[in-house]
Amino acid sequence: MAFTYILECADGTLYVGSTRSLELRVAQHVAGQGSAYTRCRLPVRLVWSHQFENIGEAFWFEKKVQNWSRAKCRALIEGRYEDLPALARGRTGRPASG
């Protein structure tokens, strides 16, 4: 099993990652031993995670979510899945029309 996860940092930014051991990886981030990004933005807290069959799927979803807008990430975190398509970005970085 593997996980994609989102952490909220002390400065309000979001960090997206993937791992085979969610509990261990979050503990590393909390202890300042995770990524350089979160190390400078402590404390962090886990706000969302999803389990996948394998690390390849989790990593693929991590990379997908990393390109999402903050609003789209918030919708995912809050479980507002029906809002995700409307929050998709067009090539310009602005919400897609239509």
PDB file of N, CA and C in Angstrom:
ATOM      1  N   MET A   1       0.835  -1.186   0.000  1.00  0.00           N
ATOM      2  CA  MET A   1       0.000   0.000   0.000  1.00  0.00           C
ATOM      3  C   MET A   1       0.875   1.243   0.000  1.00  0.00           C
ATOM      4  N   ALA A   2       0.320   2.343  -0.474  1.00  0.00           N
ATOM      5  CA  ALA A   2       1.026   3.616  -0.537  1.00  0.00           C
ATOM      6  C   ALA A   2       0.003   4.739  -0.362  1.00  0.00           C
ATOM      7  N   PHE A   3       0.507   5.927  -0.116  1.00  0.00           N
ATOM      8  CA  PHE A   3      -0.363   7.063   0.182  1.00  0.00           C
ATOM      9  C   PHE A   3       0.108   8.320  -0.536  1.00  0.00           C
ATOM     10  N   THR A   4      -0.844   9.134  -0.929  1.00  0.00           N
ATOM     11  CA  THR A   4      -0.600  10.531  -1.277  1.00  0.00           C
ATOM     12  C   THR A   4      -1.164  11.312  -0.108  1.00  0.00           C
ATOM     13  N   TYR A   5      -0.467  12.376   0.292  1.00  0.00           N
ATOM     14  CA  TYR A   5      -0.911  13.138   1.461  1.00  0.00           C
ATOM     15  C   TYR A   5      -0.691  14.627   1.239  1.00  0.00           C
ATOM     16  N   ILE A   6      -1.430  15.412   2.005  1.00  0.00           N
ATOM     17  CA  ILE A   6      -1.274  16.864   1.994  1.00  0.00           C
ATOM     18  C   ILE A   6      -1.066  17.315   3.428  1.00  0.00           C
ATOM     19  N   LEU A   7      -0.022  18.127   3.622  1.00  0.00           N
ATOM     20  CA  LEU A   7       0.255  18.756   4.909  1.00  0.00           C
ATOM     21  C   LEU A   7      -0.050  20.237   4.797  1.00  0.00           C
ATOM     22  N   GLU A   8      -0.555  20.810   5.867  1.00  0.00           N
ATOM     23  CA  GLU A   8      -0.683  22.263   5.950  1.00  0.00           C
ATOM     24  C   GLU A   8       0.451  22.758   6.830  1.00  0.00           C
ATOM     25  N   CYS A   9       1.202  23.717   6.328  1.00  0.00           N
ATOM     26  CA  CYS A   9       2.354  24.265   7.046  1.00  0.00           C
ATOM     27  C   CYS A   9       1.932  25.457   7.898  1.00  0.00           C
ATOM     28  N   ALA A  10       2.802  25.848   8.807  1.00  0.00           N
ATOM     29  CA  ALA A  10       2.518  26.955   9.727  1.00  0.00           C
ATOM     30  C   ALA A  10       2.199  28.251   8.986  1.00  0.00           C
ATOM     31  N   ASP A  11       2.794  28.453   7.812  1.00  0.00           N
ATOM     32  CA  ASP A  11       2.545  29.682   7.053  1.00  0.00           C
ATOM     33  C   ASP A  11       1.306  29.581   6.167  1.00  0.00           C
ATOM     34  N   GLY A  12       0.557  28.482   6.292  1.00  0.00           N
ATOM     35  CA  GLY A  12      -0.680  28.307   5.540  1.00  0.00           C
ATOM     36  C   GLY A  12      -0.500  27.654   4.180  1.00  0.00           C
ATOM     37  N   THR A  13       0.740  27.420   3.763  1.00  0.00           N
ATOM     38  CA  THR A  13       0.961  26.755   2.485  1.00  0.00           C
ATOM     39  C   THR A  13       0.682  25.262   2.617  1.00  0.00           C
ATOM     40  N   LEU A  14       0.504  24.627   1.477  1.00  0.00           N
ATOM     41  CA  LEU A  14       0.224  23.200   1.439  1.00  0.00           C
ATOM     42  C   LEU A  14       1.401  22.464   0.817  1.00  0.00           C
ATOM     43  N   TYR A  15       1.686  21.288   1.336  1.00  0.00           N
ATOM     44  CA  TYR A  15       2.752  20.430   0.823  1.00  0.00           C
ATOM     45  C   TYR A  15       2.125  19.098   0.443  1.00  0.00           C
ATOM     46  N   VAL A  16       2.400  18.627  -0.769  1.00  0.00           N
ATOM     47  CA  VAL A  16       1.858  17.355  -1.248  1.00  0.00           C
ATOM     48  C   VAL A  16       3.003  16.363  -1.388  1.00  0.00           C
ATOM     49  N   GLY A  17       2.807  15.163  -0.861  1.00  0.00           N
ATOM     50  CA  GLY A  17       3.828  14.133  -0.955  1.00  0.00           C
ATOM     51  C   GLY A  17       3.207  12.760  -1.127  1.00  0.00           C
ATOM     52  N   SER A  18       4.080  11.763  -1.302  1.00  0.00           N
ATOM     53  CA  SER A  18       3.628  10.371  -1.375  1.00  0.00           C
ATOM     54  C   SER A  18       4.626   9.512  -0.609  1.00  0.00           C
ATOM     55  N   THR A  19       4.148   8.384  -0.107  1.00  0.00           N
ATOM     56  CA  THR A  19       4.982   7.528   0.725  1.00  0.00           C
ATOM     57  C   THR A  19       4.389   6.136   0.830  1.00  0.00           C
ATOM     58  N   ARG A  20       5.209   5.203   1.247  1.00  0.00           N
ATOM     59  CA  ARG A  20       4.720   3.858   1.552  1.00  0.00           C
ATOM     60  C   ARG A  20       4.271   3.759   3.013  1.00  0.00           C
ATOM     61  N   SER A  21       4.799   4.632   3.865  1.00  0.00           N
ATOM     62  CA  SER A  21       4.466   4.602   5.292  1.00  0.00           C
ATOM     63  C   SER A  21       4.012   5.991   5.737  1.00  0.00           C
ATOM     64  N   LEU A  22       2.713   6.207   5.735  1.00  0.00           N
ATOM     65  CA  LEU A  22       2.163   7.521   6.042  1.00  0.00           C
ATOM     66  C   LEU A  22       2.533   7.967   7.453  1.00  0.00           C
ATOM     67  N   GLU A  23       2.341   7.109   8.423  1.00  0.00           N
ATOM     68  CA  GLU A  23       2.609   7.471   9.813  1.00  0.00           C
ATOM     69  C   GLU A  23       4.070   7.888  10.015  1.00  0.00           C
ATOM     70  N   LEU A  24       5.000   7.116   9.467  1.00  0.00           N
ATOM     71  CA  LEU A  24       6.418   7.427   9.591  1.00  0.00           C
ATOM     72  C   LEU A  24       6.765   8.718   8.879  1.00  0.00           C
ATOM     73  N   ARG A  25       6.257   8.903   7.659  1.00  0.00           N
ATOM     74  CA  ARG A  25       6.609  10.099   6.885  1.00  0.00           C
ATOM     75  C   ARG A  25       6.066  11.364   7.530  1.00  0.00           C
ATOM     76  N   VAL A  26       4.851  11.323   8.033  1.00  0.00           N
ATOM     77  CA  VAL A  26       4.292  12.503   8.713  1.00  0.00           C
ATOM     78  C   VAL A  26       5.108  12.807   9.964  1.00  0.00           C
ATOM     79  N   ALA A  27       5.488  11.780  10.713  1.00  0.00           N
ATOM     80  CA  ALA A  27       6.321  11.972  11.905  1.00  0.00           C
ATOM     81  C   ALA A  27       7.648  12.622  11.530  1.00  0.00           C
ATOM     82  N   GLN A  28       8.223  12.233  10.402  1.00  0.00           N
ATOM     83  CA  GLN A  28       9.469  12.857   9.950  1.00  0.00           C
ATOM     84  C   GLN A  28       9.261  14.333   9.656  1.00  0.00           C
ATOM     85  N   HIS A  29       8.186  14.660   8.959  1.00  0.00           N
ATOM     86  CA  HIS A  29       7.888  16.064   8.666  1.00  0.00           C
ATOM     87  C   HIS A  29       7.708  16.859   9.962  1.00  0.00           C
ATOM     88  N   VAL A  30       6.934  16.329  10.883  1.00  0.00           N
ATOM     89  CA  VAL A  30       6.646  17.008  12.154  1.00  0.00           C
ATOM     90  C   VAL A  30       7.928  17.263  12.943  1.00  0.00           C
ATOM     91  N   ALA A  31       8.867  16.313  12.866  1.00  0.00           N
ATOM     92  CA  ALA A  31      10.144  16.429  13.586  1.00  0.00           C
ATOM     93  C   ALA A  31      11.166  17.296  12.853  1.00  0.00           C
ATOM     94  N   GLY A  32      10.779  17.845  11.701  1.00  0.00           N
ATOM     95  CA  GLY A  32      11.714  18.670  10.936  1.00  0.00           C
ATOM     96  C   GLY A  32      12.700  17.856  10.127  1.00  0.00           C
ATOM     97  N   GLN A  33      12.407  16.576   9.923  1.00  0.00           N
ATOM     98  CA  GLN A  33      13.298  15.699   9.179  1.00  0.00           C
ATOM     99  C   GLN A  33      12.693  15.287   7.837  1.00  0.00           C
ATOM    100  N   GLY A  34      11.652  15.980   7.428  1.00  0.00           N
ATOM    101  CA  GLY A  34      11.017  15.689   6.139  1.00  0.00           C
ATOM    102  C   GLY A  34      11.706  16.483   5.052  1.00  0.00           C
ATOM    103  N   SER A  35      10.949  17.048   4.172  1.00  0.00           N
ATOM    104  CA  SER A  35      11.506  17.817   3.066  1.00  0.00           C
ATOM    105  C   SER A  35      12.053  19.157   3.550  1.00  0.00           C
ATOM    106  N   ALA A  36      12.934  19.742   2.752  1.00  0.00           N
ATOM    107  CA  ALA A  36      13.466  21.072   3.063  1.00  0.00           C
ATOM    108  C   ALA A  36      12.331  22.097   3.116  1.00  0.00           C
ATOM    109  N   TYR A  37      11.312  21.910   2.272  1.00  0.00           N
ATOM    110  CA  TYR A  37      10.188  22.842   2.236  1.00  0.00           C
ATOM    111  C   TYR A  37       9.469  22.880   3.573  1.00  0.00           C
ATOM    112  N   THR A  38       9.106  21.719   4.109  1.00  0.00           N
ATOM    113  CA  THR A  38       8.354  21.700   5.367  1.00  0.00           C
ATOM    114  C   THR A  38       9.243  22.020   6.562  1.00  0.00           C
ATOM    115  N   ARG A  39      10.506  21.692   6.479  1.00  0.00           N
ATOM    116  CA  ARG A  39      11.443  21.949   7.583  1.00  0.00           C
ATOM    117  C   ARG A  39      11.484  23.435   7.947  1.00  0.00           C
ATOM    118  N   CYS A  40      11.301  24.280   6.956  1.00  0.00           N
ATOM    119  CA  CYS A  40      11.332  25.732   7.168  1.00  0.00           C
ATOM    120  C   CYS A  40       9.965  26.311   7.504  1.00  0.00           C
ATOM    121  N   ARG A  41       8.952  25.466   7.595  1.00  0.00           N
ATOM    122  CA  ARG A  41       7.579  25.944   7.788  1.00  0.00           C
ATOM    123  C   ARG A  41       6.856  25.185   8.903  1.00  0.00           C
ATOM    124  N   LEU A  42       7.583  24.812   9.926  1.00  0.00           N
ATOM    125  CA  LEU A  42       7.009  24.070  11.055  1.00  0.00           C
ATOM    126  C   LEU A  42       6.178  24.989  11.928  1.00  0.00           C
ATOM    127  N   PRO A  43       5.167  24.477  12.608  1.00  0.00           N
ATOM    128  CA  PRO A  43       4.729  23.080  12.588  1.00  0.00           C
ATOM    129  C   PRO A  43       3.883  22.787  11.354  1.00  0.00           C
ATOM    130  N   VAL A  44       3.759  21.511  11.039  1.00  0.00           N
ATOM    131  CA  VAL A  44       2.921  21.041   9.939  1.00  0.00           C
ATOM    132  C   VAL A  44       1.889  20.071  10.503  1.00  0.00           C
ATOM    133  N   ARG A  45       0.785  19.935   9.776  1.00  0.00           N
ATOM    134  CA  ARG A  45      -0.221  18.964  10.198  1.00  0.00           C
ATOM    135  C   ARG A  45      -0.818  18.297   8.970  1.00  0.00           C
ATOM    136  N   LEU A  46      -1.130  17.031   9.117  1.00  0.00           N
ATOM    137  CA  LEU A  46      -1.742  16.258   8.046  1.00  0.00           C
ATOM    138  C   LEU A  46      -3.190  16.701   7.896  1.00  0.00           C
ATOM    139  N   VAL A  47      -3.570  17.108   6.677  1.00  0.00           N
ATOM    140  CA  VAL A  47      -4.947  17.550   6.450  1.00  0.00           C
ATOM    141  C   VAL A  47      -5.703  16.652   5.475  1.00  0.00           C
ATOM    142  N   TRP A  48      -4.975  15.772   4.751  1.00  0.00           N
ATOM    143  CA  TRP A  48      -5.639  14.877   3.800  1.00  0.00           C
ATOM    144  C   TRP A  48      -4.697  13.748   3.430  1.00  0.00           C
ATOM    145  N   SER A  49      -5.255  12.570   3.217  1.00  0.00           N
ATOM    146  CA  SER A  49      -4.478  11.452   2.676  1.00  0.00           C
ATOM    147  C   SER A  49      -5.415  10.498   1.956  1.00  0.00           C
ATOM    148  N   HIS A  50      -4.824   9.755   1.031  1.00  0.00           N
ATOM    149  CA  HIS A  50      -5.579   8.737   0.297  1.00  0.00           C
ATOM    150  C   HIS A  50      -4.665   7.548   0.061  1.00  0.00           C
ATOM    151  N   GLN A  51      -5.209   6.364   0.241  1.00  0.00           N
ATOM    152  CA  GLN A  51      -4.440   5.142   0.083  1.00  0.00           C
ATOM    153  C   GLN A  51      -4.563   4.616  -1.348  1.00  0.00           C
ATOM    154  N   PHE A  52      -3.429   4.146  -1.894  1.00  0.00           N
ATOM    155  CA  PHE A  52      -3.372   3.571  -3.234  1.00  0.00           C
ATOM    156  C   PHE A  52      -2.810   2.158  -3.162  1.00  0.00           C
ATOM    157  N   GLU A  53      -2.985   1.414  -4.226  1.00  0.00           N
ATOM    158  CA  GLU A  53      -2.493   0.041  -4.290  1.00  0.00           C
ATOM    159  C   GLU A  53      -0.972  -0.036  -4.297  1.00  0.00           C
ATOM    160  N   ASN A  54      -0.325   0.945  -4.957  1.00  0.00           N
ATOM    161  CA  ASN A  54       1.135   0.900  -5.051  1.00  0.00           C
ATOM    162  C   ASN A  54       1.719   2.306  -5.083  1.00  0.00           C
ATOM    163  N   ILE A  55       3.016   2.414  -4.893  1.00  0.00           N
ATOM    164  CA  ILE A  55       3.684   3.716  -4.814  1.00  0.00           C
ATOM    165  C   ILE A  55       3.639   4.451  -6.152  1.00  0.00           C
ATOM    166  N   GLY A  56       3.613   3.719  -7.254  1.00  0.00           N
ATOM    167  CA  GLY A  56       3.523   4.365  -8.558  1.00  0.00           C
ATOM    168  C   GLY A  56       2.247   5.178  -8.701  1.00  0.00           C
ATOM    169  N   GLU A  57       1.131   4.602  -8.277  1.00  0.00           N
ATOM    170  CA  GLU A  57      -0.147   5.324  -8.329  1.00  0.00           C
ATOM    171  C   GLU A  57      -0.137   6.521  -7.394  1.00  0.00           C
ATOM    172  N   ALA A  58       0.398   6.343  -6.196  1.00  0.00           N
ATOM    173  CA  ALA A  58       0.453   7.436  -5.219  1.00  0.00           C
ATOM    174  C   ALA A  58       1.334   8.572  -5.728  1.00  0.00           C
ATOM    175  N   PHE A  59       2.484   8.232  -6.319  1.00  0.00           N
ATOM    176  CA  PHE A  59       3.399   9.245  -6.857  1.00  0.00           C
ATOM    177  C   PHE A  59       2.750   9.980  -8.032  1.00  0.00           C
ATOM    178  N   TRP A  60       2.045   9.250  -8.893  1.00  0.00           N
ATOM    179  CA  TRP A  60       1.351   9.863 -10.019  1.00  0.00           C
ATOM    180  C   TRP A  60       0.323  10.883  -9.517  1.00  0.00           C
ATOM    181  N   PHE A  61      -0.454  10.505  -8.506  1.00  0.00           N
ATOM    182  CA  PHE A  61      -1.465  11.421  -7.982  1.00  0.00           C
ATOM    183  C   PHE A  61      -0.810  12.612  -7.284  1.00  0.00           C
ATOM    184  N   GLU A  62       0.307  12.378  -6.568  1.00  0.00           N
ATOM    185  CA  GLU A  62       1.057  13.482  -5.948  1.00  0.00           C
ATOM    186  C   GLU A  62       1.417  14.523  -7.000  1.00  0.00           C
ATOM    187  N   LYS A  63       2.006  14.093  -8.100  1.00  0.00           N
ATOM    188  CA  LYS A  63       2.428  15.025  -9.150  1.00  0.00           C
ATOM    189  C   LYS A  63       1.235  15.746  -9.767  1.00  0.00           C
ATOM    190  N   LYS A  64       0.130  15.059  -9.886  1.00  0.00           N
ATOM    191  CA  LYS A  64      -1.083  15.683 -10.411  1.00  0.00           C
ATOM    192  C   LYS A  64      -1.565  16.792  -9.473  1.00  0.00           C
ATOM    193  N   VAL A  65      -1.676  16.491  -8.192  1.00  0.00           N
ATOM    194  CA  VAL A  65      -2.184  17.459  -7.214  1.00  0.00           C
ATOM    195  C   VAL A  65      -1.222  18.641  -7.045  1.00  0.00           C
ATOM    196  N   GLN A  66       0.074  18.416  -7.191  1.00  0.00           N
ATOM    197  CA  GLN A  66       1.047  19.503  -7.063  1.00  0.00           C
ATOM    198  C   GLN A  66       0.812  20.606  -8.087  1.00  0.00           C
ATOM    199  N   ASN A  67       0.153  20.295  -9.178  1.00  0.00           N
ATOM    200  CA  ASN A  67      -0.137  21.301 -10.205  1.00  0.00           C
ATOM    201  C   ASN A  67      -1.491  21.977 -10.024  1.00  0.00           C
ATOM    202  N   TRP A  68      -2.221  21.573  -9.000  1.00  0.00           N
ATOM    203  CA  TRP A  68      -3.542  22.143  -8.766  1.00  0.00           C
ATOM    204  C   TRP A  68      -3.445  23.503  -8.078  1.00  0.00           C
ATOM    205  N   SER A  69      -4.477  24.302  -8.271  1.00  0.00           N
ATOM    206  CA  SER A  69      -4.584  25.576  -7.562  1.00  0.00           C
ATOM    207  C   SER A  69      -4.861  25.318  -6.082  1.00  0.00           C
ATOM    208  N   ARG A  70      -4.635  26.331  -5.273  1.00  0.00           N
ATOM    209  CA  ARG A  70      -4.936  26.219  -3.843  1.00  0.00           C
ATOM    210  C   ARG A  70      -6.427  25.928  -3.629  1.00  0.00           C
ATOM    211  N   ALA A  71      -7.276  26.585  -4.409  1.00  0.00           N
ATOM    212  CA  ALA A  71      -8.726  26.386  -4.277  1.00  0.00           C
ATOM    213  C   ALA A  71      -9.108  24.936  -4.576  1.00  0.00           C
ATOM    214  N   LYS A  72      -8.487  24.354  -5.593  1.00  0.00           N
ATOM    215  CA  LYS A  72      -8.794  22.972  -5.943  1.00  0.00           C
ATOM    216  C   LYS A  72      -8.288  22.018  -4.864  1.00  0.00           C
ATOM    217  N   CYS A  73      -7.098  22.295  -4.308  1.00  0.00           N
ATOM    218  CA  CYS A  73      -6.580  21.483  -3.199  1.00  0.00           C
ATOM    219  C   CYS A  73      -7.501  21.573  -1.994  1.00  0.00           C
ATOM    220  N   ARG A  74      -7.977  22.766  -1.692  1.00  0.00           N
ATOM    221  CA  ARG A  74      -8.896  22.949  -0.554  1.00  0.00           C
ATOM    222  C   ARG A  74     -10.175  22.151  -0.768  1.00  0.00           C
ATOM    223  N   ALA A  75     -10.685  22.143  -1.988  1.00  0.00           N
ATOM    224  CA  ALA A  75     -11.893  21.366  -2.277  1.00  0.00           C
ATOM    225  C   ALA A  75     -11.641  19.878  -2.019  1.00  0.00           C
ATOM    226  N   LEU A  76     -10.467  19.388  -2.426  1.00  0.00           N
ATOM    227  CA  LEU A  76     -10.115  17.992  -2.177  1.00  0.00           C
ATOM    228  C   LEU A  76     -10.047  17.717  -0.680  1.00  0.00           C
ATOM    229  N   ILE A  77      -9.355  18.580   0.053  1.00  0.00           N
ATOM    230  CA  ILE A  77      -9.199  18.421   1.504  1.00  0.00           C
ATOM    231  C   ILE A  77     -10.556  18.402   2.198  1.00  0.00           C
ATOM    232  N   GLU A  78     -11.445  19.268   1.754  1.00  0.00           N
ATOM    233  CA  GLU A  78     -12.764  19.402   2.378  1.00  0.00           C
ATOM    234  C   GLU A  78     -13.773  18.388   1.854  1.00  0.00           C
ATOM    235  N   GLY A  79     -13.359  17.541   0.922  1.00  0.00           N
ATOM    236  CA  GLY A  79     -14.268  16.523   0.400  1.00  0.00           C
ATOM    237  C   GLY A  79     -15.305  17.043  -0.569  1.00  0.00           C
ATOM    238  N   ARG A  80     -15.050  18.205  -1.139  1.00  0.00           N
ATOM    239  CA  ARG A  80     -15.986  18.794  -2.109  1.00  0.00           C
ATOM    240  C   ARG A  80     -15.612  18.331  -3.517  1.00  0.00           C
ATOM    241  N   TYR A  81     -15.715  17.040  -3.747  1.00  0.00           N
ATOM    242  CA  TYR A  81     -15.272  16.435  -4.998  1.00  0.00           C
ATOM    243  C   TYR A  81     -16.037  16.960  -6.208  1.00  0.00           C
ATOM    244  N   GLU A  82     -17.299  17.312  -6.008  1.00  0.00           N
ATOM    245  CA  GLU A  82     -18.101  17.827  -7.112  1.00  0.00           C
ATOM    246  C   GLU A  82     -17.582  19.170  -7.619  1.00  0.00           C
ATOM    247  N   ASP A  83     -16.813  19.896  -6.799  1.00  0.00           N
ATOM    248  CA  ASP A  83     -16.263  21.191  -7.200  1.00  0.00           C
ATOM    249  C   ASP A  83     -14.961  21.068  -7.992  1.00  0.00           C
ATOM    250  N   LEU A  84     -14.331  19.909  -7.975  1.00  0.00           N
ATOM    251  CA  LEU A  84     -13.013  19.755  -8.603  1.00  0.00           C
ATOM    252  C   LEU A  84     -13.005  20.071 -10.095  1.00  0.00           C
ATOM    253  N   PRO A  85     -13.955  19.576 -10.896  1.00  0.00           N
ATOM    254  CA  PRO A  85     -13.904  19.892 -12.332  1.00  0.00           C
ATOM    255  C   PRO A  85     -13.998  21.387 -12.621  1.00  0.00           C
ATOM    256  N   ALA A  86     -14.831  22.103 -11.890  1.00  0.00           N
ATOM    257  CA  ALA A  86     -14.995  23.540 -12.114  1.00  0.00           C
ATOM    258  C   ALA A  86     -13.750  24.327 -11.713  1.00  0.00           C
ATOM    259  N   LEU A  87     -12.914  23.749 -10.861  1.00  0.00           N
ATOM    260  CA  LEU A  87     -11.712  24.436 -10.405  1.00  0.00           C
ATOM    261  C   LEU A  87     -10.474  24.086 -11.231  1.00  0.00           C
ATOM    262  N   ALA A  88     -10.667  23.309 -12.275  1.00  0.00           N
ATOM    263  CA  ALA A  88      -9.551  22.939 -13.155  1.00  0.00           C
ATOM    264  C   ALA A  88      -8.992  24.176 -13.833  1.00  0.00           C
ATOM    265  N   ARG A  89      -7.669  24.214 -13.954  1.00  0.00           N
ATOM    266  CA  ARG A  89      -7.009  25.351 -14.608  1.00  0.00           C
ATOM    267  C   ARG A  89      -6.881  25.128 -16.108  1.00  0.00           C
ATOM    268  N   GLY A  90      -7.022  26.217 -16.836  1.00  0.00           N
ATOM    269  CA  GLY A  90      -6.721  26.167 -18.269  1.00  0.00           C
ATOM    270  C   GLY A  90      -5.220  26.359 -18.446  1.00  0.00           C
ATOM    271  N   ARG A  91      -4.756  26.432 -19.640  1.00  0.00           N
ATOM    272  CA  ARG A  91      -3.332  26.593 -19.923  1.00  0.00           C
ATOM    273  C   ARG A  91      -2.770  27.902 -19.417  1.00  0.00           C
ATOM    274  N   THR A  92      -3.598  28.892 -19.222  1.00  0.00           N
ATOM    275  CA  THR A  92      -3.143  30.209 -18.763  1.00  0.00           C
ATOM    276  C   THR A  92      -2.946  30.246 -17.263  1.00  0.00           C
ATOM    277  N   GLY A  93      -3.377  29.189 -16.539  1.00  0.00           N
ATOM    278  CA  GLY A  93      -3.281  29.182 -15.091  1.00  0.00           C
ATOM    279  C   GLY A  93      -4.542  29.702 -14.424  1.00  0.00           C
ATOM    280  N   ARG A  94      -5.449  30.233 -15.244  1.00  0.00           N
ATOM    281  CA  ARG A  94      -6.740  30.717 -14.726  1.00  0.00           C
ATOM    282  C   ARG A  94      -7.749  29.595 -14.833  1.00  0.00           C
ATOM    283  N   PRO A  95      -8.833  29.674 -14.033  1.00  0.00           N
ATOM    284  CA  PRO A  95      -9.863  28.630 -14.142  1.00  0.00           C
ATOM    285  C   PRO A  95     -10.348  28.486 -15.575  1.00  0.00           C
ATOM    286  N   ALA A  96     -10.533  27.265 -15.995  1.00  0.00           N
ATOM    287  CA  ALA A  96     -11.012  26.999 -17.360  1.00  0.00           C
ATOM    288  C   ALA A  96     -12.452  27.465 -17.487  1.00  0.00           C
ATOM    289  N   SER A  97     -12.801  27.994 -18.629  1.00  0.00           N
ATOM    290  CA  SER A  97     -14.188  28.433 -18.851  1.00  0.00           C
ATOM    291  C   SER A  97     -14.978  27.304 -19.469  1.00  0.00           C
ATOM    292  N   GLY A  98     -16.284  27.369 -19.234  1.00  0.00           N
ATOM    293  CA  GLY A  98     -17.172  26.405 -19.866  1.00  0.00           C
ATOM    294  C   GLY A  98     -17.369  25.251 -19.090  1.00  0.00           C
TER     295      GLY A  98
END
